[in-house]
Amino acid sequence: YILADAGFDVWLGNYRGNVYSNQHISLDTDSADYWDFSWHENGVYDLPAMIDHVRSQTGQDKIFYIGHSMGTTGFYVMGSMRPEYNDKIRAMFSLAPIAYMSHMTSPFLQLISQYITELQILRGLIGFNEFSPNSEFLAEAGQLTCSDQAPTQSVCGNVVFLFTGFDSQQLNEVTLHEYL
């Protein structure tokens, strides 16, 4: 909120497929077609639509863009596949950019990356499309097991490290339950 508190007009975007933007005009989240997208579609369609919306609402010809993680990847795709948008951006700031996966340290992601083809086949067979860790059950479990006084708090940190790679210096255990 630092930029908004400083008087800047801040717009937050969400790519398709998350709990905050799953209201497609013609497809249902149970449909495999709904989930048939990747970083390519984020950069070619979604991000340009967000930029056009912000520009039309603000009257600004050029905007600043701050991307975090996958928000940077979509921007890189847009910059190369939709070069006309390069003139609509005053400056872009990449926070935790994702362009290459070769330095990934997550044991879980390293493991599943070895079986991605098999997982995609299995997903198609059982009709499982959505991976949504954002649920009421998980939020309550996170509060119960990961709060500051919980005896299982260190277990929560290790679960996070399983997905992100080990980096204890970057983990704030006191606020961990707020993010899960």
Protein backbone atom coordinates (compact mmCIF):
# COMPACT_ATOMS: atom_id res chain seq x y z
CA TYR A 1 0.00 0.00 0.00
CA ILE A 2 3.05 2.25 0.01
CA LEU A 3 2.45 3.57 -3.50
CA ALA A 4 -1.28 4.13 -2.96
CA ASP A 5 -0.59 5.86 0.36
CA ALA A 6 1.89 8.10 -1.47
CA GLY A 7 -0.88 9.22 -3.82
CA PHE A 8 -0.23 6.98 -6.81
CA ASP A 9 -3.13 5.42 -8.70
CA VAL A 10 -2.56 1.68 -8.12
CA TRP A 11 -4.35 -1.04 -10.07
CA LEU A 12 -4.02 -4.71 -9.13
CA GLY A 13 -4.58 -7.35 -11.80
CA ASN A 14 -5.30 -11.05 -11.55
CA TYR A 15 -4.65 -13.55 -14.28
CA ARG A 16 -7.36 -15.99 -15.20
CA GLY A 17 -7.76 -19.18 -13.22
CA ASN A 18 -7.41 -17.96 -9.66
CA VAL A 19 -10.04 -17.56 -6.99
CA TYR A 20 -10.32 -13.81 -7.67
CA SER A 21 -10.81 -14.05 -11.43
CA ASN A 22 -12.72 -17.18 -12.33
CA GLN A 23 -15.84 -15.58 -13.77
CA HIS A 24 -15.48 -16.37 -17.47
CA ILE A 25 -18.29 -15.06 -19.66
CA SER A 26 -18.95 -18.37 -21.43
CA LEU A 27 -16.88 -21.16 -19.83
CA ASP A 28 -17.37 -22.90 -16.50
CA THR A 29 -14.47 -23.78 -14.21
CA ASP A 30 -15.47 -27.45 -14.55
CA SER A 31 -14.71 -27.29 -18.28
CA ALA A 32 -11.29 -28.41 -19.53
CA ASP A 33 -11.47 -25.59 -22.11
CA TYR A 34 -11.57 -23.07 -19.27
CA TRP A 35 -8.18 -24.32 -18.03
CA ASP A 36 -6.58 -24.51 -21.49
CA PHE A 37 -4.22 -21.56 -21.08
CA SER A 38 -0.63 -20.83 -20.13
CA TRP A 39 1.77 -17.94 -19.73
CA HIS A 40 1.34 -17.38 -23.47
CA GLU A 41 -2.35 -16.46 -23.12
CA ASN A 42 -1.60 -14.41 -20.01
CA GLY A 43 0.83 -12.29 -22.00
CA VAL A 44 -0.94 -12.19 -25.35
CA TYR A 45 -4.51 -11.61 -24.13
CA ASP A 46 -4.91 -11.05 -20.38
CA LEU A 47 -2.22 -8.50 -19.63
CA PRO A 48 -2.96 -6.35 -22.72
CA ALA A 49 -6.64 -6.31 -21.69
CA MET A 50 -5.67 -5.14 -18.19
CA ILE A 51 -3.38 -2.44 -19.59
CA ASP A 52 -6.06 -1.24 -22.02
CA HIS A 53 -8.57 -1.07 -19.17
CA VAL A 54 -6.26 0.94 -16.90
CA ARG A 55 -5.36 3.32 -19.73
CA SER A 56 -9.02 3.85 -20.67
CA GLN A 57 -10.04 4.49 -17.05
CA THR A 58 -7.16 6.83 -16.24
CA GLY A 59 -6.68 8.59 -19.57
CA GLN A 60 -2.94 7.89 -19.38
CA ASP A 61 -1.13 7.03 -22.61
CA LYS A 62 1.71 5.25 -20.79
CA ILE A 63 1.67 3.48 -17.45
CA PHE A 64 4.20 2.05 -15.03
CA TYR A 65 4.02 -1.72 -14.57
CA ILE A 66 5.22 -3.63 -11.53
CA GLY A 67 5.14 -7.38 -11.99
CA HIS A 68 5.72 -10.04 -9.37
CA SER A 69 6.64 -13.64 -10.21
CA MET A 70 4.26 -14.84 -12.92
CA GLY A 71 3.26 -11.22 -13.53
CA THR A 72 6.75 -10.68 -14.91
CA THR A 73 6.55 -13.73 -17.15
CA GLY A 74 3.32 -12.54 -18.74
CA PHE A 75 4.92 -9.15 -19.31
CA TYR A 76 7.93 -10.71 -21.07
CA VAL A 77 5.56 -12.66 -23.32
CA MET A 78 3.55 -9.52 -24.05
CA GLY A 79 6.69 -7.52 -24.80
CA SER A 80 7.80 -10.01 -27.42
CA MET A 81 4.47 -11.21 -28.85
CA ARG A 82 2.58 -7.90 -28.66
CA PRO A 83 5.33 -5.29 -29.25
CA GLU A 84 2.76 -2.54 -29.79
CA TYR A 85 2.31 -2.57 -26.00
CA ASN A 86 5.93 -1.60 -25.44
CA ASP A 87 4.95 1.98 -26.34
CA LYS A 88 2.18 1.92 -23.71
CA ILE A 89 4.56 1.25 -20.81
CA ARG A 90 6.63 4.02 -19.26
CA ALA A 91 8.73 1.55 -17.23
CA MET A 92 8.44 -2.05 -16.02
CA PHE A 93 9.77 -3.29 -12.68
CA SER A 94 10.32 -7.04 -12.21
CA LEU A 95 9.99 -8.42 -8.68
CA ALA A 96 10.97 -12.10 -8.32
CA PRO A 97 10.92 -12.60 -12.09
CA ILE A 98 10.35 -16.01 -13.60
CA ALA A 99 11.90 -16.58 -16.99
CA TYR A 100 13.88 -19.78 -16.48
CA MET A 101 13.23 -22.78 -14.27
CA SER A 102 16.78 -24.17 -14.25
CA HIS A 103 17.63 -22.66 -10.84
CA MET A 104 14.47 -23.91 -9.14
CA THR A 105 15.22 -25.44 -5.72
CA SER A 106 11.76 -26.72 -4.77
CA PRO A 107 12.00 -30.49 -4.16
CA PHE A 108 8.28 -30.90 -4.89
CA LEU A 109 8.40 -29.02 -8.19
CA GLN A 110 11.59 -30.80 -9.23
CA LEU A 111 9.88 -34.12 -8.61
CA ILE A 112 6.66 -33.38 -10.47
CA SER A 113 8.54 -31.78 -13.38
CA GLN A 114 9.99 -35.23 -14.12
CA TYR A 115 6.47 -36.61 -14.54
CA ILE A 116 4.67 -33.68 -16.14
CA THR A 117 3.52 -35.66 -19.19
CA GLU A 118 2.09 -38.44 -17.04
CA LEU A 119 0.40 -35.92 -14.74
CA GLN A 120 -1.22 -34.19 -17.71
CA ILE A 121 -2.54 -37.53 -18.99
CA LEU A 122 -3.86 -38.40 -15.52
CA ARG A 123 -5.46 -34.98 -15.18
CA GLY A 124 -7.28 -35.52 -18.47
CA LEU A 125 -8.45 -39.00 -17.48
CA ILE A 126 -9.92 -38.00 -14.12
CA GLY A 127 -11.14 -34.56 -15.22
CA PHE A 128 -9.11 -32.70 -12.61
CA ASN A 129 -8.34 -29.21 -13.88
CA GLU A 130 -8.06 -26.84 -10.96
CA PHE A 131 -5.24 -26.75 -8.45
CA SER A 132 -6.62 -24.36 -5.89
CA PRO A 133 -4.85 -24.22 -2.55
CA ASN A 134 -7.10 -21.32 -1.58
CA SER A 135 -9.88 -22.98 0.39
CA GLU A 136 -11.61 -22.37 3.69
CA PHE A 137 -10.36 -25.71 5.02
CA LEU A 138 -6.73 -24.91 4.22
CA ALA A 139 -7.06 -21.41 5.67
CA GLU A 140 -8.39 -22.82 8.94
CA ALA A 141 -5.74 -25.55 9.00
CA GLY A 142 -3.07 -22.92 8.43
CA GLN A 143 -4.40 -20.82 11.30
CA LEU A 144 -4.55 -23.81 13.63
CA THR A 145 -1.22 -25.44 12.82
CA CYS A 146 0.94 -22.50 11.72
CA SER A 147 0.09 -19.71 14.16
CA ASP A 148 2.83 -18.19 16.28
CA GLN A 149 2.12 -20.32 19.37
CA ALA A 150 1.33 -23.62 17.59
CA PRO A 151 3.72 -26.48 18.42
CA THR A 152 3.52 -27.54 14.75
CA GLN A 153 4.70 -24.19 13.39
CA SER A 154 8.10 -25.50 12.27
CA VAL A 155 6.32 -28.23 10.28
CA CYS A 156 4.47 -25.50 8.38
CA GLY A 157 7.74 -23.84 7.50
CA ASN A 158 9.08 -27.11 6.14
CA VAL A 159 5.95 -27.59 4.02
CA VAL A 160 6.54 -24.13 2.54
CA PHE A 161 10.17 -25.06 1.84
CA LEU A 162 8.99 -28.20 0.05
CA PHE A 163 7.28 -25.95 -2.51
CA THR A 164 9.68 -23.01 -2.56
CA GLY A 165 13.09 -24.40 -1.73
CA PHE A 166 14.84 -24.02 1.61
CA ASP A 167 15.65 -20.48 2.73
CA SER A 168 15.10 -20.02 6.46
CA GLN A 169 16.40 -16.44 6.37
CA GLN A 170 13.45 -15.46 4.14
CA LEU A 171 10.73 -17.11 6.24
CA ASN A 172 8.89 -15.12 8.88
CA GLU A 173 7.34 -17.83 11.06
CA VAL A 174 5.37 -15.30 13.12
CA THR A 175 3.27 -14.26 10.10
CA LEU A 176 3.37 -17.60 8.27
CA HIS A 177 -0.22 -18.50 9.15
CA GLU A 178 -1.44 -15.31 7.46
CA TYR A 179 -0.14 -16.46 4.09
CA LEU A 180 -1.44 -20.03 4.17
